[in-house]
Amino acid sequence: MRMLLNATFNDGNKRELQISAADIVATEDHFEISVDNLERFSHLCFLAWCSDSRTKQTGKDFKDWLLDIDTVEAVNDPKEPTTKL
């Protein structure tokens, strides 16, 4: 099972995002923390942006992309041992 996030944008559009190993590594490198220590909303948002950027759903940098976001929620817990990338 992959890590999934739901992103809701300010315009009401929603998107389910599949988080890849590359997204996790980029987030770990950016925040200098392990995926096991994701605790802040900004961590989930960055993961979501990495996915949107990797899949070419956005060309915006993180801060500009974030202006379009209402919420980002985990569909499944990335810390569960059953989550596989």
PDB file of N, CA and C in Angstrom:
ATOM      1  N   MET A   1       0.846  -1.180   0.000  1.00  0.00           N
ATOM      2  CA  MET A   1       0.000   0.000   0.000  1.00  0.00           C
ATOM      3  C   MET A   1       0.887   1.238   0.000  1.00  0.00           C
ATOM      4  N   ARG A   2       0.506   2.212  -0.774  1.00  0.00           N
ATOM      5  CA  ARG A   2       1.229   3.481  -0.825  1.00  0.00           C
ATOM      6  C   ARG A   2       0.618   4.464   0.168  1.00  0.00           C
ATOM      7  N   MET A   3       1.426   5.434   0.540  1.00  0.00           N
ATOM      8  CA  MET A   3       0.917   6.522   1.363  1.00  0.00           C
ATOM      9  C   MET A   3       0.049   7.408   0.475  1.00  0.00           C
ATOM     10  N   LEU A   4      -1.138   7.731   0.960  1.00  0.00           N
ATOM     11  CA  LEU A   4      -2.068   8.576   0.221  1.00  0.00           C
ATOM     12  C   LEU A   4      -2.423   9.813   1.030  1.00  0.00           C
ATOM     13  N   LEU A   5      -2.531  10.929   0.343  1.00  0.00           N
ATOM     14  CA  LEU A   5      -2.984  12.174   0.949  1.00  0.00           C
ATOM     15  C   LEU A   5      -4.136  12.717   0.132  1.00  0.00           C
ATOM     16  N   ASN A   6      -5.075  13.375   0.798  1.00  0.00           N
ATOM     17  CA  ASN A   6      -6.145  14.105   0.128  1.00  0.00           C
ATOM     18  C   ASN A   6      -5.852  15.588   0.267  1.00  0.00           C
ATOM     19  N   ALA A   7      -5.804  16.275  -0.873  1.00  0.00           N
ATOM     20  CA  ALA A   7      -5.604  17.723  -0.871  1.00  0.00           C
ATOM     21  C   ALA A   7      -6.907  18.376  -1.311  1.00  0.00           C
ATOM     22  N   THR A   8      -7.340  19.377  -0.560  1.00  0.00           N
ATOM     23  CA  THR A   8      -8.502  20.178  -0.923  1.00  0.00           C
ATOM     24  C   THR A   8      -8.007  21.585  -1.198  1.00  0.00           C
ATOM     25  N   PHE A   9      -8.357  22.088  -2.369  1.00  0.00           N
ATOM     26  CA  PHE A   9      -7.906  23.401  -2.780  1.00  0.00           C
ATOM     27  C   PHE A   9      -8.953  24.456  -2.442  1.00  0.00           C
ATOM     28  N   ASN A  10      -8.531  25.699  -2.389  1.00  0.00           N
ATOM     29  CA  ASN A  10      -9.433  26.798  -2.030  1.00  0.00           C
ATOM     30  C   ASN A  10     -10.624  26.921  -2.968  1.00  0.00           C
ATOM     31  N   ASP A  11     -10.471  26.477  -4.210  1.00  0.00           N
ATOM     32  CA  ASP A  11     -11.576  26.561  -5.166  1.00  0.00           C
ATOM     33  C   ASP A  11     -12.551  25.389  -5.051  1.00  0.00           C
ATOM     34  N   GLY A  12     -12.319  24.490  -4.066  1.00  0.00           N
ATOM     35  CA  GLY A  12     -13.206  23.364  -3.833  1.00  0.00           C
ATOM     36  C   GLY A  12     -12.766  22.069  -4.506  1.00  0.00           C
ATOM     37  N   ASN A  13     -11.828  22.153  -5.450  1.00  0.00           N
ATOM     38  CA  ASN A  13     -11.322  20.939  -6.089  1.00  0.00           C
ATOM     39  C   ASN A  13     -10.567  20.086  -5.078  1.00  0.00           C
ATOM     40  N   LYS A  14     -10.662  18.770  -5.265  1.00  0.00           N
ATOM     41  CA  LYS A  14      -9.972  17.824  -4.389  1.00  0.00           C
ATOM     42  C   LYS A  14      -9.140  16.885  -5.242  1.00  0.00           C
ATOM     43  N   ARG A  15      -8.047  16.422  -4.675  1.00  0.00           N
ATOM     44  CA  ARG A  15      -7.193  15.491  -5.392  1.00  0.00           C
ATOM     45  C   ARG A  15      -6.588  14.502  -4.400  1.00  0.00           C
ATOM     46  N   GLU A  16      -6.634  13.214  -4.756  1.00  0.00           N
ATOM     47  CA  GLU A  16      -5.948  12.197  -3.972  1.00  0.00           C
ATOM     48  C   GLU A  16      -4.539  12.078  -4.530  1.00  0.00           C
ATOM     49  N   LEU A  17      -3.562  12.165  -3.663  1.00  0.00           N
ATOM     50  CA  LEU A  17      -2.159  12.169  -4.071  1.00  0.00           C
ATOM     51  C   LEU A  17      -1.463  10.915  -3.572  1.00  0.00           C
ATOM     52  N   GLN A  18      -0.803  10.216  -4.487  1.00  0.00           N
ATOM     53  CA  GLN A  18       0.007   9.060  -4.107  1.00  0.00           C
ATOM     54  C   GLN A  18       1.422   9.555  -3.828  1.00  0.00           C
ATOM     55  N   ILE A  19       1.877   9.295  -2.630  1.00  0.00           N
ATOM     56  CA  ILE A  19       3.198   9.741  -2.209  1.00  0.00           C
ATOM     57  C   ILE A  19       4.207   8.649  -2.535  1.00  0.00           C
ATOM     58  N   SER A  20       5.269   9.044  -3.223  1.00  0.00           N
ATOM     59  CA  SER A  20       6.294   8.083  -3.635  1.00  0.00           C
ATOM     60  C   SER A  20       7.499   8.157  -2.701  1.00  0.00           C
ATOM     61  N   ALA A  21       8.401   7.225  -2.889  1.00  0.00           N
ATOM     62  CA  ALA A  21       9.655   7.239  -2.122  1.00  0.00           C
ATOM     63  C   ALA A  21      10.403   8.549  -2.359  1.00  0.00           C
ATOM     64  N   ALA A  22      10.392   9.036  -3.601  1.00  0.00           N
ATOM     65  CA  ALA A  22      11.071  10.298  -3.915  1.00  0.00           C
ATOM     66  C   ALA A  22      10.468  11.466  -3.138  1.00  0.00           C
ATOM     67  N   ASP A  23       9.148  11.464  -2.973  1.00  0.00           N
ATOM     68  CA  ASP A  23       8.477  12.522  -2.211  1.00  0.00           C
ATOM     69  C   ASP A  23       8.884  12.478  -0.745  1.00  0.00           C
ATOM     70  N   ILE A  24       8.952  11.274  -0.201  1.00  0.00           N
ATOM     71  CA  ILE A  24       9.331  11.107   1.204  1.00  0.00           C
ATOM     72  C   ILE A  24      10.766  11.555   1.427  1.00  0.00           C
ATOM     73  N   VAL A  25      11.669  11.132   0.557  1.00  0.00           N
ATOM     74  CA  VAL A  25      13.083  11.512   0.703  1.00  0.00           C
ATOM     75  C   VAL A  25      13.243  13.026   0.576  1.00  0.00           C
ATOM     76  N   ALA A  26      12.551  13.637  -0.370  1.00  0.00           N
ATOM     77  CA  ALA A  26      12.636  15.093  -0.527  1.00  0.00           C
ATOM     78  C   ALA A  26      12.148  15.806   0.733  1.00  0.00           C
ATOM     79  N   THR A  27      11.070  15.284   1.338  1.00  0.00           N
ATOM     80  CA  THR A  27      10.532  15.880   2.563  1.00  0.00           C
ATOM     81  C   THR A  27      11.490  15.676   3.731  1.00  0.00           C
ATOM     82  N   GLU A  28      12.025  14.472   3.860  1.00  0.00           N
ATOM     83  CA  GLU A  28      13.007  14.211   4.920  1.00  0.00           C
ATOM     84  C   GLU A  28      14.221  15.130   4.778  1.00  0.00           C
ATOM     85  N   ASP A  29      14.709  15.289   3.553  1.00  0.00           N
ATOM     86  CA  ASP A  29      15.868  16.151   3.321  1.00  0.00           C
ATOM     87  C   ASP A  29      15.544  17.613   3.603  1.00  0.00           C
ATOM     88  N   HIS A  30      14.362  18.058   3.178  1.00  0.00           N
ATOM     89  CA  HIS A  30      13.964  19.453   3.361  1.00  0.00           C
ATOM     90  C   HIS A  30      13.851  19.816   4.843  1.00  0.00           C
ATOM     91  N   PHE A  31      13.201  18.945   5.621  1.00  0.00           N
ATOM     92  CA  PHE A  31      12.973  19.232   7.044  1.00  0.00           C
ATOM     93  C   PHE A  31      14.029  18.616   7.955  1.00  0.00           C
ATOM     94  N   GLU A  32      14.910  17.785   7.377  1.00  0.00           N
ATOM     95  CA  GLU A  32      15.956  17.089   8.128  1.00  0.00           C
ATOM     96  C   GLU A  32      15.369  16.265   9.277  1.00  0.00           C
ATOM     97  N   ILE A  33      14.306  15.515   8.931  1.00  0.00           N
ATOM     98  CA  ILE A  33      13.664  14.616   9.889  1.00  0.00           C
ATOM     99  C   ILE A  33      13.296  13.319   9.174  1.00  0.00           C
ATOM    100  N   SER A  34      13.065  12.287   9.953  1.00  0.00           N
ATOM    101  CA  SER A  34      12.610  11.012   9.410  1.00  0.00           C
ATOM    102  C   SER A  34      11.111  11.073   9.142  1.00  0.00           C
ATOM    103  N   VAL A  35      10.648  10.282   8.188  1.00  0.00           N
ATOM    104  CA  VAL A  35       9.211  10.195   7.915  1.00  0.00           C
ATOM    105  C   VAL A  35       8.455   9.763   9.174  1.00  0.00           C
ATOM    106  N   ASP A  36       9.116   9.051  10.067  1.00  0.00           N
ATOM    107  CA  ASP A  36       8.486   8.637  11.322  1.00  0.00           C
ATOM    108  C   ASP A  36       8.200   9.813  12.252  1.00  0.00           C
ATOM    109  N   ASN A  37       8.799  10.966  11.966  1.00  0.00           N
ATOM    110  CA  ASN A  37       8.624  12.136  12.834  1.00  0.00           C
ATOM    111  C   ASN A  37       7.792  13.237  12.194  1.00  0.00           C
ATOM    112  N   LEU A  38       7.028  12.896  11.171  1.00  0.00           N
ATOM    113  CA  LEU A  38       6.162  13.904  10.560  1.00  0.00           C
ATOM    114  C   LEU A  38       5.052  14.258  11.545  1.00  0.00           C
ATOM    115  N   GLU A  39       5.038  15.503  11.981  1.00  0.00           N
ATOM    116  CA  GLU A  39       4.089  15.920  12.999  1.00  0.00           C
ATOM    117  C   GLU A  39       3.354  17.206  12.643  1.00  0.00           C
ATOM    118  N   ARG A  40       3.915  17.983  11.771  1.00  0.00           N
ATOM    119  CA  ARG A  40       3.359  19.302  11.489  1.00  0.00           C
ATOM    120  C   ARG A  40       2.555  19.293  10.195  1.00  0.00           C
ATOM    121  N   PHE A  41       1.597  20.194  10.125  1.00  0.00           N
ATOM    122  CA  PHE A  41       0.795  20.351   8.919  1.00  0.00           C
ATOM    123  C   PHE A  41       1.692  20.675   7.723  1.00  0.00           C
ATOM    124  N   SER A  42       2.738  21.452   7.963  1.00  0.00           N
ATOM    125  CA  SER A  42       3.648  21.812   6.868  1.00  0.00           C
ATOM    126  C   SER A  42       4.320  20.577   6.280  1.00  0.00           C
ATOM    127  N   HIS A  43       4.545  19.542   7.093  1.00  0.00           N
ATOM    128  CA  HIS A  43       5.134  18.299   6.586  1.00  0.00           C
ATOM    129  C   HIS A  43       4.203  17.635   5.569  1.00  0.00           C
ATOM    130  N   LEU A  44       2.918  17.534   5.909  1.00  0.00           N
ATOM    131  CA  LEU A  44       1.942  16.944   4.988  1.00  0.00           C
ATOM    132  C   LEU A  44       1.804  17.787   3.726  1.00  0.00           C
ATOM    133  N   CYS A  45       1.780  19.096   3.888  1.00  0.00           N
ATOM    134  CA  CYS A  45       1.671  19.976   2.731  1.00  0.00           C
ATOM    135  C   CYS A  45       2.870  19.817   1.811  1.00  0.00           C
ATOM    136  N   PHE A  46       4.058  19.723   2.382  1.00  0.00           N
ATOM    137  CA  PHE A  46       5.254  19.570   1.555  1.00  0.00           C
ATOM    138  C   PHE A  46       5.230  18.240   0.804  1.00  0.00           C
ATOM    139  N   LEU A  47       4.810  17.174   1.495  1.00  0.00           N
ATOM    140  CA  LEU A  47       4.665  15.870   0.824  1.00  0.00           C
ATOM    141  C   LEU A  47       3.683  15.981  -0.343  1.00  0.00           C
ATOM    142  N   ALA A  48       2.557  16.645  -0.110  1.00  0.00           N
ATOM    143  CA  ALA A  48       1.546  16.800  -1.148  1.00  0.00           C
ATOM    144  C   ALA A  48       2.104  17.606  -2.315  1.00  0.00           C
ATOM    145  N   TRP A  49       2.802  18.681  -2.024  1.00  0.00           N
ATOM    146  CA  TRP A  49       3.393  19.503  -3.084  1.00  0.00           C
ATOM    147  C   TRP A  49       4.429  18.704  -3.869  1.00  0.00           C
ATOM    148  N   CYS A  50       5.241  17.912  -3.174  1.00  0.00           N
ATOM    149  CA  CYS A  50       6.231  17.077  -3.871  1.00  0.00           C
ATOM    150  C   CYS A  50       5.535  16.166  -4.877  1.00  0.00           C
ATOM    151  N   SER A  51       4.445  15.551  -4.460  1.00  0.00           N
ATOM    152  CA  SER A  51       3.696  14.668  -5.344  1.00  0.00           C
ATOM    153  C   SER A  51       3.112  15.446  -6.526  1.00  0.00           C
ATOM    154  N   ASP A  52       2.487  16.581  -6.247  1.00  0.00           N
ATOM    155  CA  ASP A  52       1.902  17.405  -7.311  1.00  0.00           C
ATOM    156  C   ASP A  52       2.976  17.890  -8.285  1.00  0.00           C
ATOM    157  N   SER A  53       4.122  18.245  -7.757  1.00  0.00           N
ATOM    158  CA  SER A  53       5.220  18.715  -8.586  1.00  0.00           C
ATOM    159  C   SER A  53       5.806  17.575  -9.424  1.00  0.00           C
ATOM    160  N   ARG A  54       6.033  16.423  -8.790  1.00  0.00           N
ATOM    161  CA  ARG A  54       6.602  15.257  -9.481  1.00  0.00           C
ATOM    162  C   ARG A  54       5.708  14.797 -10.615  1.00  0.00           C
ATOM    163  N   THR A  55       4.404  14.832 -10.407  1.00  0.00           N
ATOM    164  CA  THR A  55       3.462  14.366 -11.423  1.00  0.00           C
ATOM    165  C   THR A  55       3.033  15.488 -12.381  1.00  0.00           C
ATOM    166  N   LYS A  56       3.690  16.635 -12.243  1.00  0.00           N
ATOM    167  CA  LYS A  56       3.464  17.783 -13.123  1.00  0.00           C
ATOM    168  C   LYS A  56       2.028  18.324 -13.064  1.00  0.00           C
ATOM    169  N   GLN A  57       1.401  18.193 -11.879  1.00  0.00           N
ATOM    170  CA  GLN A  57       0.086  18.788 -11.657  1.00  0.00           C
ATOM    171  C   GLN A  57       0.222  20.271 -11.322  1.00  0.00           C
ATOM    172  N   THR A  58       1.448  20.677 -10.934  1.00  0.00           N
ATOM    173  CA  THR A  58       1.728  22.084 -10.662  1.00  0.00           C
ATOM    174  C   THR A  58       3.145  22.404 -11.100  1.00  0.00           C
ATOM    175  N   GLY A  59       3.324  23.643 -11.488  1.00  0.00           N
ATOM    176  CA  GLY A  59       4.653  24.157 -11.797  1.00  0.00           C
ATOM    177  C   GLY A  59       5.053  25.224 -10.788  1.00  0.00           C
ATOM    178  N   LYS A  60       4.188  25.403  -9.785  1.00  0.00           N
ATOM    179  CA  LYS A  60       4.426  26.432  -8.771  1.00  0.00           C
ATOM    180  C   LYS A  60       5.438  25.948  -7.741  1.00  0.00           C
ATOM    181  N   ASP A  61       6.172  26.911  -7.168  1.00  0.00           N
ATOM    182  CA  ASP A  61       7.026  26.542  -6.044  1.00  0.00           C
ATOM    183  C   ASP A  61       6.132  26.305  -4.827  1.00  0.00           C
ATOM    184  N   PHE A  62       6.714  25.738  -3.775  1.00  0.00           N
ATOM    185  CA  PHE A  62       5.932  25.306  -2.618  1.00  0.00           C
ATOM    186  C   PHE A  62       5.093  26.434  -2.025  1.00  0.00           C
ATOM    187  N   LYS A  63       5.702  27.594  -1.788  1.00  0.00           N
ATOM    188  CA  LYS A  63       4.966  28.684  -1.130  1.00  0.00           C
ATOM    189  C   LYS A  63       3.814  29.195  -1.981  1.00  0.00           C
ATOM    190  N   ASP A  64       3.995  29.262  -3.289  1.00  0.00           N
ATOM    191  CA  ASP A  64       2.901  29.698  -4.156  1.00  0.00           C
ATOM    192  C   ASP A  64       1.806  28.642  -4.234  1.00  0.00           C
ATOM    193  N   TRP A  65       2.193  27.368  -4.307  1.00  0.00           N
ATOM    194  CA  TRP A  65       1.227  26.264  -4.326  1.00  0.00           C
ATOM    195  C   TRP A  65       0.399  26.272  -3.046  1.00  0.00           C
ATOM    196  N   LEU A  66       1.065  26.537  -1.924  1.00  0.00           N
ATOM    197  CA  LEU A  66       0.411  26.529  -0.621  1.00  0.00           C
ATOM    198  C   LEU A  66      -0.704  27.576  -0.529  1.00  0.00           C
ATOM    199  N   LEU A  67      -0.588  28.667  -1.254  1.00  0.00           N
ATOM    200  CA  LEU A  67      -1.630  29.698  -1.255  1.00  0.00           C
ATOM    201  C   LEU A  67      -2.941  29.176  -1.823  1.00  0.00           C
ATOM    202  N   ASP A  68      -2.883  28.109  -2.622  1.00  0.00           N
ATOM    203  CA  ASP A  68      -4.083  27.525  -3.230  1.00  0.00           C
ATOM    204  C   ASP A  68      -4.718  26.427  -2.377  1.00  0.00           C
ATOM    205  N   ILE A  69      -4.083  26.050  -1.273  1.00  0.00           N
ATOM    206  CA  ILE A  69      -4.506  24.891  -0.478  1.00  0.00           C
ATOM    207  C   ILE A  69      -5.410  25.290   0.676  1.00  0.00           C
ATOM    208  N   ASP A  70      -6.507  24.537   0.835  1.00  0.00           N
ATOM    209  CA  ASP A  70      -7.368  24.681   2.005  1.00  0.00           C
ATOM    210  C   ASP A  70      -6.915  23.711   3.086  1.00  0.00           C
ATOM    211  N   THR A  71      -6.758  22.428   2.712  1.00  0.00           N
ATOM    212  CA  THR A  71      -6.323  21.424   3.687  1.00  0.00           C
ATOM    213  C   THR A  71      -5.661  20.246   2.984  1.00  0.00           C
ATOM    214  N   VAL A  72      -4.825  19.557   3.727  1.00  0.00           N
ATOM    215  CA  VAL A  72      -4.204  18.299   3.298  1.00  0.00           C
ATOM    216  C   VAL A  72      -4.379  17.321   4.449  1.00  0.00           C
ATOM    217  N   GLU A  73      -4.896  16.129   4.132  1.00  0.00           N
ATOM    218  CA  GLU A  73      -5.145  15.119   5.163  1.00  0.00           C
ATOM    219  C   GLU A  73      -4.576  13.785   4.715  1.00  0.00           C
ATOM    220  N   ALA A  74      -4.062  13.025   5.671  1.00  0.00           N
ATOM    221  CA  ALA A  74      -3.576  11.684   5.382  1.00  0.00           C
ATOM    222  C   ALA A  74      -4.754  10.734   5.232  1.00  0.00           C
ATOM    223  N   VAL A  75      -4.734   9.937   4.173  1.00  0.00           N
ATOM    224  CA  VAL A  75      -5.746   8.900   3.975  1.00  0.00           C
ATOM    225  C   VAL A  75      -5.375   7.685   4.805  1.00  0.00           C
ATOM    226  N   ASN A  76      -4.084   7.418   4.884  1.00  0.00           N
ATOM    227  CA  ASN A  76      -3.581   6.331   5.717  1.00  0.00           C
ATOM    228  C   ASN A  76      -2.373   6.853   6.489  1.00  0.00           C
ATOM    229  N   ASP A  77      -2.084   6.241   7.592  1.00  0.00           N
ATOM    230  CA  ASP A  77      -1.005   6.684   8.466  1.00  0.00           C
ATOM    231  C   ASP A  77       0.336   6.248   7.888  1.00  0.00           C
ATOM    232  N   PRO A  78       1.232   7.200   7.574  1.00  0.00           N
ATOM    233  CA  PRO A  78       2.535   6.840   6.998  1.00  0.00           C
ATOM    234  C   PRO A  78       3.410   6.058   7.972  1.00  0.00           C
ATOM    235  N   LYS A  79       3.056   6.062   9.246  1.00  0.00           N
ATOM    236  CA  LYS A  79       3.863   5.363  10.247  1.00  0.00           C
ATOM    237  C   LYS A  79       3.429   3.927  10.456  1.00  0.00           C
ATOM    238  N   GLU A  80       2.291   3.512   9.857  1.00  0.00           N
ATOM    239  CA  GLU A  80       1.827   2.142  10.007  1.00  0.00           C
ATOM    240  C   GLU A  80       2.803   1.189   9.341  1.00  0.00           C
ATOM    241  N   PRO A  81       3.123   0.080   9.973  1.00  0.00           N
ATOM    242  CA  PRO A  81       4.072  -0.863   9.382  1.00  0.00           C
ATOM    243  C   PRO A  81       3.571  -1.501   8.101  1.00  0.00           C
ATOM    244  N   THR A  82       2.272  -1.438   7.845  1.00  0.00           N
ATOM    245  CA  THR A  82       1.733  -2.053   6.625  1.00  0.00           C
ATOM    246  C   THR A  82       1.904  -1.126   5.412  1.00  0.00           C
ATOM    247  N   THR A  83       2.298   0.127   5.634  1.00  0.00           N
ATOM    248  CA  THR A  83       2.489   1.049   4.525  1.00  0.00           C
ATOM    249  C   THR A  83       3.804   0.717   3.832  1.00  0.00           C
ATOM    250  N   LYS A  84       3.721   0.424   2.566  1.00  0.00           N
ATOM    251  CA  LYS A  84       4.908   0.095   1.776  1.00  0.00           C
ATOM    252  C   LYS A  84       4.990   1.041   0.608  1.00  0.00           C
ATOM    253  N   LEU A  85       6.218   1.432   0.276  1.00  0.00           N
ATOM    254  CA  LEU A  85       6.434   2.318  -0.880  1.00  0.00           C
ATOM    255  C   LEU A  85       6.965   1.523  -2.027  1.00  0.00           C
TER     256      LEU A  85
END
